[in-house]
Amino acid sequence: MCFSTPVARNRVEAIKTMGKPESVDALIPLFRKLSDPRSSRNQFYPLEEILFVALAGVLSGFNHIIQMEQFAKDKEDWFRKMLPYENGFPSHDTI
């Protein structure tokens, strides 16, 4: 495997440092307490799912929304242990 790009190196490091789902259980209720500023027609993805992808992405070293989207898709099983993601994962445009 060649890890010559910064994205590839970040992905490898993120995989090494993914925590156990129970270690972040306290975050989800906090996200649910936030008021959602989006109009009802733009709420296909629950706000807590979008925020969790963004936070986990940033904490794992991904600084761009396209990287966060790919990270969520790469770690789908891990993310689904936290939240249902019934509508799939938000695109970078949604994040």
PDB file of N, CA and C in Angstrom:
ATOM      1  N   MET A   1       0.818  -1.179   0.000  1.00  0.00           N
ATOM      2  CA  MET A   1       0.000   0.000   0.000  1.00  0.00           C
ATOM      3  C   MET A   1       0.863   1.245   0.000  1.00  0.00           C
ATOM      4  N   CYS A   2       0.483   2.216  -0.789  1.00  0.00           N
ATOM      5  CA  CYS A   2       1.225   3.466  -0.846  1.00  0.00           C
ATOM      6  C   CYS A   2       0.443   4.549  -0.123  1.00  0.00           C
ATOM      7  N   PHE A   3       1.048   5.167   0.858  1.00  0.00           N
ATOM      8  CA  PHE A   3       0.398   6.216   1.623  1.00  0.00           C
ATOM      9  C   PHE A   3       1.120   7.539   1.402  1.00  0.00           C
ATOM     10  N   SER A   4       1.201   7.946   0.165  1.00  0.00           N
ATOM     11  CA  SER A   4       1.982   9.129  -0.148  1.00  0.00           C
ATOM     12  C   SER A   4       1.200  10.429  -0.005  1.00  0.00           C
ATOM     13  N   THR A   5      -0.119  10.371  -0.052  1.00  0.00           N
ATOM     14  CA  THR A   5      -0.892  11.607   0.043  1.00  0.00           C
ATOM     15  C   THR A   5      -1.239  11.895   1.495  1.00  0.00           C
ATOM     16  N   PRO A   6      -1.429  13.164   1.836  1.00  0.00           N
ATOM     17  CA  PRO A   6      -1.819  13.501   3.215  1.00  0.00           C
ATOM     18  C   PRO A   6      -3.137  12.854   3.617  1.00  0.00           C
ATOM     19  N   VAL A   7      -4.092  12.759   2.683  1.00  0.00           N
ATOM     20  CA  VAL A   7      -5.373  12.136   3.004  1.00  0.00           C
ATOM     21  C   VAL A   7      -5.177  10.680   3.379  1.00  0.00           C
ATOM     22  N   ALA A   8      -4.383   9.961   2.612  1.00  0.00           N
ATOM     23  CA  ALA A   8      -4.134   8.549   2.902  1.00  0.00           C
ATOM     24  C   ALA A   8      -3.435   8.379   4.246  1.00  0.00           C
ATOM     25  N   ARG A   9      -2.465   9.219   4.538  1.00  0.00           N
ATOM     26  CA  ARG A   9      -1.773   9.128   5.824  1.00  0.00           C
ATOM     27  C   ARG A   9      -2.741   9.419   6.966  1.00  0.00           C
ATOM     28  N   ASN A  10      -3.598  10.443   6.806  1.00  0.00           N
ATOM     29  CA  ASN A  10      -4.581  10.763   7.844  1.00  0.00           C
ATOM     30  C   ASN A  10      -5.546   9.605   8.060  1.00  0.00           C
ATOM     31  N   ARG A  11      -5.963   8.967   6.989  1.00  0.00           N
ATOM     32  CA  ARG A  11      -6.908   7.856   7.098  1.00  0.00           C
ATOM     33  C   ARG A  11      -6.281   6.713   7.907  1.00  0.00           C
ATOM     34  N   VAL A  12      -5.031   6.426   7.645  1.00  0.00           N
ATOM     35  CA  VAL A  12      -4.346   5.360   8.380  1.00  0.00           C
ATOM     36  C   VAL A  12      -4.268   5.712   9.857  1.00  0.00           C
ATOM     37  N   GLU A  13      -3.902   6.930  10.175  1.00  0.00           N
ATOM     38  CA  GLU A  13      -3.805   7.351  11.572  1.00  0.00           C
ATOM     39  C   GLU A  13      -5.172   7.322  12.238  1.00  0.00           C
ATOM     40  N   ALA A  14      -6.207   7.726  11.524  1.00  0.00           N
ATOM     41  CA  ALA A  14      -7.550   7.730  12.101  1.00  0.00           C
ATOM     42  C   ALA A  14      -7.997   6.323  12.441  1.00  0.00           C
ATOM     43  N   ILE A  15      -7.718   5.376  11.592  1.00  0.00           N
ATOM     44  CA  ILE A  15      -8.105   3.997  11.848  1.00  0.00           C
ATOM     45  C   ILE A  15      -7.426   3.481  13.113  1.00  0.00           C
ATOM     46  N   LYS A  16      -6.194   3.869  13.327  1.00  0.00           N
ATOM     47  CA  LYS A  16      -5.459   3.431  14.517  1.00  0.00           C
ATOM     48  C   LYS A  16      -6.067   3.998  15.799  1.00  0.00           C
ATOM     49  N   THR A  17      -6.667   5.185  15.722  1.00  0.00           N
ATOM     50  CA  THR A  17      -7.098   5.878  16.931  1.00  0.00           C
ATOM     51  C   THR A  17      -8.602   5.876  17.163  1.00  0.00           C
ATOM     52  N   MET A  18      -9.370   5.147  16.374  1.00  0.00           N
ATOM     53  CA  MET A  18     -10.826   5.142  16.563  1.00  0.00           C
ATOM     54  C   MET A  18     -11.142   4.578  17.946  1.00  0.00           C
ATOM     55  N   GLY A  19     -11.940   5.319  18.685  1.00  0.00           N
ATOM     56  CA  GLY A  19     -12.304   4.879  20.024  1.00  0.00           C
ATOM     57  C   GLY A  19     -13.464   3.895  20.005  1.00  0.00           C
ATOM     58  N   LYS A  20     -13.752   3.362  21.157  1.00  0.00           N
ATOM     59  CA  LYS A  20     -14.888   2.462  21.288  1.00  0.00           C
ATOM     60  C   LYS A  20     -16.157   3.312  21.348  1.00  0.00           C
ATOM     61  N   PRO A  21     -17.263   2.826  20.797  1.00  0.00           N
ATOM     62  CA  PRO A  21     -18.492   3.628  20.782  1.00  0.00           C
ATOM     63  C   PRO A  21     -18.925   4.120  22.151  1.00  0.00           C
ATOM     64  N   GLU A  22     -18.772   3.305  23.188  1.00  0.00           N
ATOM     65  CA  GLU A  22     -19.223   3.729  24.507  1.00  0.00           C
ATOM     66  C   GLU A  22     -18.429   4.909  25.050  1.00  0.00           C
ATOM     67  N   SER A  23     -17.271   5.193  24.482  1.00  0.00           N
ATOM     68  CA  SER A  23     -16.462   6.307  24.973  1.00  0.00           C
ATOM     69  C   SER A  23     -16.986   7.659  24.517  1.00  0.00           C
ATOM     70  N   VAL A  24     -17.924   7.675  23.589  1.00  0.00           N
ATOM     71  CA  VAL A  24     -18.473   8.947  23.121  1.00  0.00           C
ATOM     72  C   VAL A  24     -19.994   9.019  23.279  1.00  0.00           C
ATOM     73  N   ASP A  25     -20.570   8.101  24.024  1.00  0.00           N
ATOM     74  CA  ASP A  25     -22.022   8.082  24.211  1.00  0.00           C
ATOM     75  C   ASP A  25     -22.574   9.390  24.780  1.00  0.00           C
ATOM     76  N   ALA A  26     -21.799  10.096  25.542  1.00  0.00           N
ATOM     77  CA  ALA A  26     -22.283  11.329  26.157  1.00  0.00           C
ATOM     78  C   ALA A  26     -22.461  12.462  25.151  1.00  0.00           C
ATOM     79  N   LEU A  27     -21.827  12.382  24.001  1.00  0.00           N
ATOM     80  CA  LEU A  27     -21.943  13.457  23.005  1.00  0.00           C
ATOM     81  C   LEU A  27     -23.302  13.494  22.321  1.00  0.00           C
ATOM     82  N   ILE A  28     -23.861  12.361  22.024  1.00  0.00           N
ATOM     83  CA  ILE A  28     -25.088  12.291  21.244  1.00  0.00           C
ATOM     84  C   ILE A  28     -26.232  13.043  21.925  1.00  0.00           C
ATOM     85  N   PRO A  29     -26.482  12.840  23.228  1.00  0.00           N
ATOM     86  CA  PRO A  29     -27.551  13.615  23.867  1.00  0.00           C
ATOM     87  C   PRO A  29     -27.306  15.125  23.811  1.00  0.00           C
ATOM     88  N   LEU A  30     -26.051  15.537  23.859  1.00  0.00           N
ATOM     89  CA  LEU A  30     -25.750  16.970  23.750  1.00  0.00           C
ATOM     90  C   LEU A  30     -26.108  17.501  22.366  1.00  0.00           C
ATOM     91  N   PHE A  31     -25.802  16.742  21.331  1.00  0.00           N
ATOM     92  CA  PHE A  31     -26.155  17.146  19.975  1.00  0.00           C
ATOM     93  C   PHE A  31     -27.670  17.244  19.816  1.00  0.00           C
ATOM     94  N   ARG A  32     -28.409  16.348  20.431  1.00  0.00           N
ATOM     95  CA  ARG A  32     -29.873  16.337  20.306  1.00  0.00           C
ATOM     96  C   ARG A  32     -30.522  17.531  20.995  1.00  0.00           C
ATOM     97  N   LYS A  33     -29.833  18.135  21.941  1.00  0.00           N
ATOM     98  CA  LYS A  33     -30.376  19.302  22.641  1.00  0.00           C
ATOM     99  C   LYS A  33     -30.281  20.581  21.804  1.00  0.00           C
ATOM    100  N   LEU A  34     -29.446  20.575  20.786  1.00  0.00           N
ATOM    101  CA  LEU A  34     -29.273  21.760  19.955  1.00  0.00           C
ATOM    102  C   LEU A  34     -30.503  22.002  19.104  1.00  0.00           C
ATOM    103  N   SER A  35     -30.856  23.277  18.937  1.00  0.00           N
ATOM    104  CA  SER A  35     -31.965  23.585  18.030  1.00  0.00           C
ATOM    105  C   SER A  35     -31.453  23.497  16.597  1.00  0.00           C
ATOM    106  N   ASP A  36     -32.290  22.991  15.723  1.00  0.00           N
ATOM    107  CA  ASP A  36     -31.915  22.783  14.330  1.00  0.00           C
ATOM    108  C   ASP A  36     -32.365  23.994  13.514  1.00  0.00           C
ATOM    109  N   PRO A  37     -31.424  24.779  12.985  1.00  0.00           N
ATOM    110  CA  PRO A  37     -31.793  25.999  12.253  1.00  0.00           C
ATOM    111  C   PRO A  37     -32.282  25.747  10.822  1.00  0.00           C
ATOM    112  N   ARG A  38     -32.208  24.507  10.360  1.00  0.00           N
ATOM    113  CA  ARG A  38     -32.595  24.211   8.982  1.00  0.00           C
ATOM    114  C   ARG A  38     -34.107  24.195   8.826  1.00  0.00           C
ATOM    115  N   SER A  39     -34.570  24.508   7.612  1.00  0.00           N
ATOM    116  CA  SER A  39     -36.000  24.378   7.339  1.00  0.00           C
ATOM    117  C   SER A  39     -36.352  22.900   7.318  1.00  0.00           C
ATOM    118  N   SER A  40     -37.609  22.581   7.548  1.00  0.00           N
ATOM    119  CA  SER A  40     -38.018  21.179   7.652  1.00  0.00           C
ATOM    120  C   SER A  40     -37.751  20.405   6.364  1.00  0.00           C
ATOM    121  N   ARG A  41     -37.771  21.053   5.225  1.00  0.00           N
ATOM    122  CA  ARG A  41     -37.513  20.338   3.969  1.00  0.00           C
ATOM    123  C   ARG A  41     -36.046  19.953   3.807  1.00  0.00           C
ATOM    124  N   ASN A  42     -35.167  20.548   4.610  1.00  0.00           N
ATOM    125  CA  ASN A  42     -33.727  20.260   4.546  1.00  0.00           C
ATOM    126  C   ASN A  42     -33.257  19.389   5.702  1.00  0.00           C
ATOM    127  N   GLN A  43     -34.148  18.607   6.261  1.00  0.00           N
ATOM    128  CA  GLN A  43     -33.783  17.799   7.419  1.00  0.00           C
ATOM    129  C   GLN A  43     -33.830  16.306   7.114  1.00  0.00           C
ATOM    130  N   PHE A  44     -33.364  15.922   5.946  1.00  0.00           N
ATOM    131  CA  PHE A  44     -33.323  14.516   5.557  1.00  0.00           C
ATOM    132  C   PHE A  44     -32.383  13.735   6.477  1.00  0.00           C
ATOM    133  N   TYR A  45     -31.278  14.364   6.849  1.00  0.00           N
ATOM    134  CA  TYR A  45     -30.332  13.763   7.784  1.00  0.00           C
ATOM    135  C   TYR A  45     -30.504  14.446   9.136  1.00  0.00           C
ATOM    136  N   PRO A  46     -30.659  13.682  10.207  1.00  0.00           N
ATOM    137  CA  PRO A  46     -30.749  14.301  11.533  1.00  0.00           C
ATOM    138  C   PRO A  46     -29.485  15.119  11.836  1.00  0.00           C
ATOM    139  N   LEU A  47     -29.687  16.239  12.504  1.00  0.00           N
ATOM    140  CA  LEU A  47     -28.569  17.133  12.811  1.00  0.00           C
ATOM    141  C   LEU A  47     -27.473  16.427  13.590  1.00  0.00           C
ATOM    142  N   GLU A  48     -27.843  15.563  14.536  1.00  0.00           N
ATOM    143  CA  GLU A  48     -26.809  14.895  15.340  1.00  0.00           C
ATOM    144  C   GLU A  48     -25.939  13.980  14.486  1.00  0.00           C
ATOM    145  N   GLU A  49     -26.487  13.407  13.414  1.00  0.00           N
ATOM    146  CA  GLU A  49     -25.678  12.567  12.537  1.00  0.00           C
ATOM    147  C   GLU A  49     -24.666  13.393  11.747  1.00  0.00           C
ATOM    148  N   ILE A  50     -25.084  14.551  11.289  1.00  0.00           N
ATOM    149  CA  ILE A  50     -24.175  15.438  10.558  1.00  0.00           C
ATOM    150  C   ILE A  50     -23.067  15.940  11.487  1.00  0.00           C
ATOM    151  N   LEU A  51     -23.467  16.395  12.661  1.00  0.00           N
ATOM    152  CA  LEU A  51     -22.481  16.919  13.615  1.00  0.00           C
ATOM    153  C   LEU A  51     -21.492  15.846  14.058  1.00  0.00           C
ATOM    154  N   PHE A  52     -21.983  14.627  14.233  1.00  0.00           N
ATOM    155  CA  PHE A  52     -21.086  13.553  14.665  1.00  0.00           C
ATOM    156  C   PHE A  52     -20.067  13.213  13.586  1.00  0.00           C
ATOM    157  N   VAL A  53     -20.493  13.181  12.325  1.00  0.00           N
ATOM    158  CA  VAL A  53     -19.541  12.945  11.226  1.00  0.00           C
ATOM    159  C   VAL A  53     -18.488  14.041  11.207  1.00  0.00           C
ATOM    160  N   ALA A  54     -18.931  15.291  11.328  1.00  0.00           N
ATOM    161  CA  ALA A  54     -17.989  16.415  11.285  1.00  0.00           C
ATOM    162  C   ALA A  54     -17.014  16.365  12.460  1.00  0.00           C
ATOM    163  N   LEU A  55     -17.518  16.151  13.665  1.00  0.00           N
ATOM    164  CA  LEU A  55     -16.650  16.118  14.842  1.00  0.00           C
ATOM    165  C   LEU A  55     -15.670  14.952  14.786  1.00  0.00           C
ATOM    166  N   ALA A  56     -16.162  13.761  14.465  1.00  0.00           N
ATOM    167  CA  ALA A  56     -15.283  12.592  14.382  1.00  0.00           C
ATOM    168  C   ALA A  56     -14.238  12.787  13.291  1.00  0.00           C
ATOM    169  N   GLY A  57     -14.639  13.397  12.179  1.00  0.00           N
ATOM    170  CA  GLY A  57     -13.690  13.660  11.099  1.00  0.00           C
ATOM    171  C   GLY A  57     -12.583  14.605  11.519  1.00  0.00           C
ATOM    172  N   VAL A  58     -12.967  15.706  12.152  1.00  0.00           N
ATOM    173  CA  VAL A  58     -11.966  16.693  12.596  1.00  0.00           C
ATOM    174  C   VAL A  58     -11.038  16.083  13.645  1.00  0.00           C
ATOM    175  N   LEU A  59     -11.606  15.369  14.600  1.00  0.00           N
ATOM    176  CA  LEU A  59     -10.780  14.751  15.640  1.00  0.00           C
ATOM    177  C   LEU A  59      -9.856  13.668  15.094  1.00  0.00           C
ATOM    178  N   SER A  60     -10.200  13.134  13.936  1.00  0.00           N
ATOM    179  CA  SER A  60      -9.374  12.108  13.302  1.00  0.00           C
ATOM    180  C   SER A  60      -8.383  12.688  12.297  1.00  0.00           C
ATOM    181  N   GLY A  61      -8.341  14.007  12.204  1.00  0.00           N
ATOM    182  CA  GLY A  61      -7.340  14.650  11.370  1.00  0.00           C
ATOM    183  C   GLY A  61      -7.795  15.056   9.984  1.00  0.00           C
ATOM    184  N   PHE A  62      -9.083  14.983   9.719  1.00  0.00           N
ATOM    185  CA  PHE A  62      -9.587  15.378   8.408  1.00  0.00           C
ATOM    186  C   PHE A  62     -10.112  16.804   8.484  1.00  0.00           C
ATOM    187  N   ASN A  63      -9.572  17.680   7.663  1.00  0.00           N
ATOM    188  CA  ASN A  63      -9.898  19.096   7.744  1.00  0.00           C
ATOM    189  C   ASN A  63     -10.791  19.583   6.614  1.00  0.00           C
ATOM    190  N   HIS A  64     -11.155  18.729   5.718  1.00  0.00           N
ATOM    191  CA  HIS A  64     -11.978  19.133   4.588  1.00  0.00           C
ATOM    192  C   HIS A  64     -13.243  18.280   4.564  1.00  0.00           C
ATOM    193  N   ILE A  65     -14.358  18.871   4.160  1.00  0.00           N
ATOM    194  CA  ILE A  65     -15.624  18.147   4.196  1.00  0.00           C
ATOM    195  C   ILE A  65     -15.651  16.941   3.261  1.00  0.00           C
ATOM    196  N   ILE A  66     -14.926  17.003   2.172  1.00  0.00           N
ATOM    197  CA  ILE A  66     -14.860  15.838   1.280  1.00  0.00           C
ATOM    198  C   ILE A  66     -14.154  14.677   1.993  1.00  0.00           C
ATOM    199  N   GLN A  67     -13.108  14.993   2.740  1.00  0.00           N
ATOM    200  CA  GLN A  67     -12.417  13.964   3.517  1.00  0.00           C
ATOM    201  C   GLN A  67     -13.336  13.397   4.601  1.00  0.00           C
ATOM    202  N   MET A  68     -14.138  14.250   5.231  1.00  0.00           N
ATOM    203  CA  MET A  68     -15.060  13.799   6.274  1.00  0.00           C
ATOM    204  C   MET A  68     -16.109  12.854   5.707  1.00  0.00           C
ATOM    205  N   GLU A  69     -16.631  13.196   4.533  1.00  0.00           N
ATOM    206  CA  GLU A  69     -17.607  12.327   3.883  1.00  0.00           C
ATOM    207  C   GLU A  69     -17.000  10.955   3.602  1.00  0.00           C
ATOM    208  N   GLN A  70     -15.806  10.924   3.043  1.00  0.00           N
ATOM    209  CA  GLN A  70     -15.160   9.657   2.725  1.00  0.00           C
ATOM    210  C   GLN A  70     -14.826   8.873   3.991  1.00  0.00           C
ATOM    211  N   PHE A  71     -14.396   9.580   5.018  1.00  0.00           N
ATOM    212  CA  PHE A  71     -14.091   8.960   6.305  1.00  0.00           C
ATOM    213  C   PHE A  71     -15.327   8.248   6.859  1.00  0.00           C
ATOM    214  N   ALA A  72     -16.482   8.920   6.810  1.00  0.00           N
ATOM    215  CA  ALA A  72     -17.716   8.312   7.308  1.00  0.00           C
ATOM    216  C   ALA A  72     -18.055   7.045   6.524  1.00  0.00           C
ATOM    217  N   LYS A  73     -17.891   7.104   5.224  1.00  0.00           N
ATOM    218  CA  LYS A  73     -18.187   5.934   4.393  1.00  0.00           C
ATOM    219  C   LYS A  73     -17.184   4.802   4.656  1.00  0.00           C
ATOM    220  N   ASP A  74     -15.930   5.159   4.869  1.00  0.00           N
ATOM    221  CA  ASP A  74     -14.899   4.151   5.152  1.00  0.00           C
ATOM    222  C   ASP A  74     -15.124   3.472   6.502  1.00  0.00           C
ATOM    223  N   LYS A  75     -15.645   4.210   7.463  1.00  0.00           N
ATOM    224  CA  LYS A  75     -15.851   3.699   8.826  1.00  0.00           C
ATOM    225  C   LYS A  75     -17.339   3.492   9.123  1.00  0.00           C
ATOM    226  N   GLU A  76     -18.086   3.109   8.100  1.00  0.00           N
ATOM    227  CA  GLU A  76     -19.537   2.976   8.211  1.00  0.00           C
ATOM    228  C   GLU A  76     -19.977   2.132   9.408  1.00  0.00           C
ATOM    229  N   ASP A  77     -19.369   0.982   9.597  1.00  0.00           N
ATOM    230  CA  ASP A  77     -19.764   0.111  10.712  1.00  0.00           C
ATOM    231  C   ASP A  77     -19.584   0.805  12.053  1.00  0.00           C
ATOM    232  N   TRP A  78     -18.501   1.514  12.221  1.00  0.00           N
ATOM    233  CA  TRP A  78     -18.234   2.210  13.479  1.00  0.00           C
ATOM    234  C   TRP A  78     -19.270   3.315  13.707  1.00  0.00           C
ATOM    235  N   PHE A  79     -19.533   4.106  12.675  1.00  0.00           N
ATOM    236  CA  PHE A  79     -20.503   5.198  12.809  1.00  0.00           C
ATOM    237  C   PHE A  79     -21.897   4.652  13.126  1.00  0.00           C
ATOM    238  N   ARG A  80     -22.269   3.536  12.519  1.00  0.00           N
ATOM    239  CA  ARG A  80     -23.608   2.971  12.751  1.00  0.00           C
ATOM    240  C   ARG A  80     -23.747   2.364  14.154  1.00  0.00           C
ATOM    241  N   LYS A  81     -22.666   2.152  14.845  1.00  0.00           N
ATOM    242  CA  LYS A  81     -22.748   1.733  16.247  1.00  0.00           C
ATOM    243  C   LYS A  81     -23.171   2.907  17.122  1.00  0.00           C
ATOM    244  N   MET A  82     -22.939   4.111  16.620  1.00  0.00           N
ATOM    245  CA  MET A  82     -23.235   5.316  17.386  1.00  0.00           C
ATOM    246  C   MET A  82     -24.635   5.841  17.102  1.00  0.00           C
ATOM    247  N   LEU A  83     -24.969   5.920  15.818  1.00  0.00           N
ATOM    248  CA  LEU A  83     -26.250   6.466  15.362  1.00  0.00           C
ATOM    249  C   LEU A  83     -26.747   5.612  14.200  1.00  0.00           C
ATOM    250  N   PRO A  84     -28.052   5.627  13.926  1.00  0.00           N
ATOM    251  CA  PRO A  84     -28.567   4.709  12.902  1.00  0.00           C
ATOM    252  C   PRO A  84     -28.203   5.055  11.456  1.00  0.00           C
ATOM    253  N   TYR A  85     -28.047   6.306  11.117  1.00  0.00           N
ATOM    254  CA  TYR A  85     -27.765   6.716   9.733  1.00  0.00           C
ATOM    255  C   TYR A  85     -28.710   5.995   8.770  1.00  0.00           C
ATOM    256  N   GLU A  86     -30.007   6.046   9.096  1.00  0.00           N
ATOM    257  CA  GLU A  86     -31.022   5.362   8.299  1.00  0.00           C
ATOM    258  C   GLU A  86     -31.070   5.838   6.850  1.00  0.00           C
ATOM    259  N   ASN A  87     -30.735   7.084   6.616  1.00  0.00           N
ATOM    260  CA  ASN A  87     -30.746   7.641   5.263  1.00  0.00           C
ATOM    261  C   ASN A  87     -29.363   7.631   4.630  1.00  0.00           C
ATOM    262  N   GLY A  88     -28.451   6.858   5.181  1.00  0.00           N
ATOM    263  CA  GLY A  88     -27.087   6.838   4.688  1.00  0.00           C
ATOM    264  C   GLY A  88     -26.293   7.972   5.310  1.00  0.00           C
ATOM    265  N   PHE A  89     -25.171   8.274   4.706  1.00  0.00           N
ATOM    266  CA  PHE A  89     -24.303   9.312   5.237  1.00  0.00           C
ATOM    267  C   PHE A  89     -24.453  10.594   4.439  1.00  0.00           C
ATOM    268  N   PRO A  90     -24.417  11.727   5.133  1.00  0.00           N
ATOM    269  CA  PRO A  90     -24.554  12.998   4.423  1.00  0.00           C
ATOM    270  C   PRO A  90     -23.383  13.234   3.464  1.00  0.00           C
ATOM    271  N   SER A  91     -23.681  13.845   2.344  1.00  0.00           N
ATOM    272  CA  SER A  91     -22.639  14.181   1.376  1.00  0.00           C
ATOM    273  C   SER A  91     -21.840  15.366   1.907  1.00  0.00           C
ATOM    274  N   HIS A  92     -20.724  15.636   1.254  1.00  0.00           N
ATOM    275  CA  HIS A  92     -19.917  16.791   1.661  1.00  0.00           C
ATOM    276  C   HIS A  92     -20.712  18.086   1.508  1.00  0.00           C
ATOM    277  N   ASP A  93     -21.621  18.152   0.539  1.00  0.00           N
ATOM    278  CA  ASP A  93     -22.455  19.360   0.389  1.00  0.00           C
ATOM    279  C   ASP A  93     -23.363  19.563   1.599  1.00  0.00           C
ATOM    280  N   THR A  94     -23.847  18.467   2.157  1.00  0.00           N
ATOM    281  CA  THR A  94     -24.714  18.548   3.333  1.00  0.00           C
ATOM    282  C   THR A  94     -23.911  18.865   4.584  1.00  0.00           C
ATOM    283  N   ILE A  95     -22.738  18.263   4.711  1.00  0.00           N
ATOM    284  CA  ILE A  95     -21.893  18.538   5.874  1.00  0.00           C
ATOM    285  C   ILE A  95     -21.511  20.004   5.875  1.00  0.00           C
TER     286      ILE A  95
END
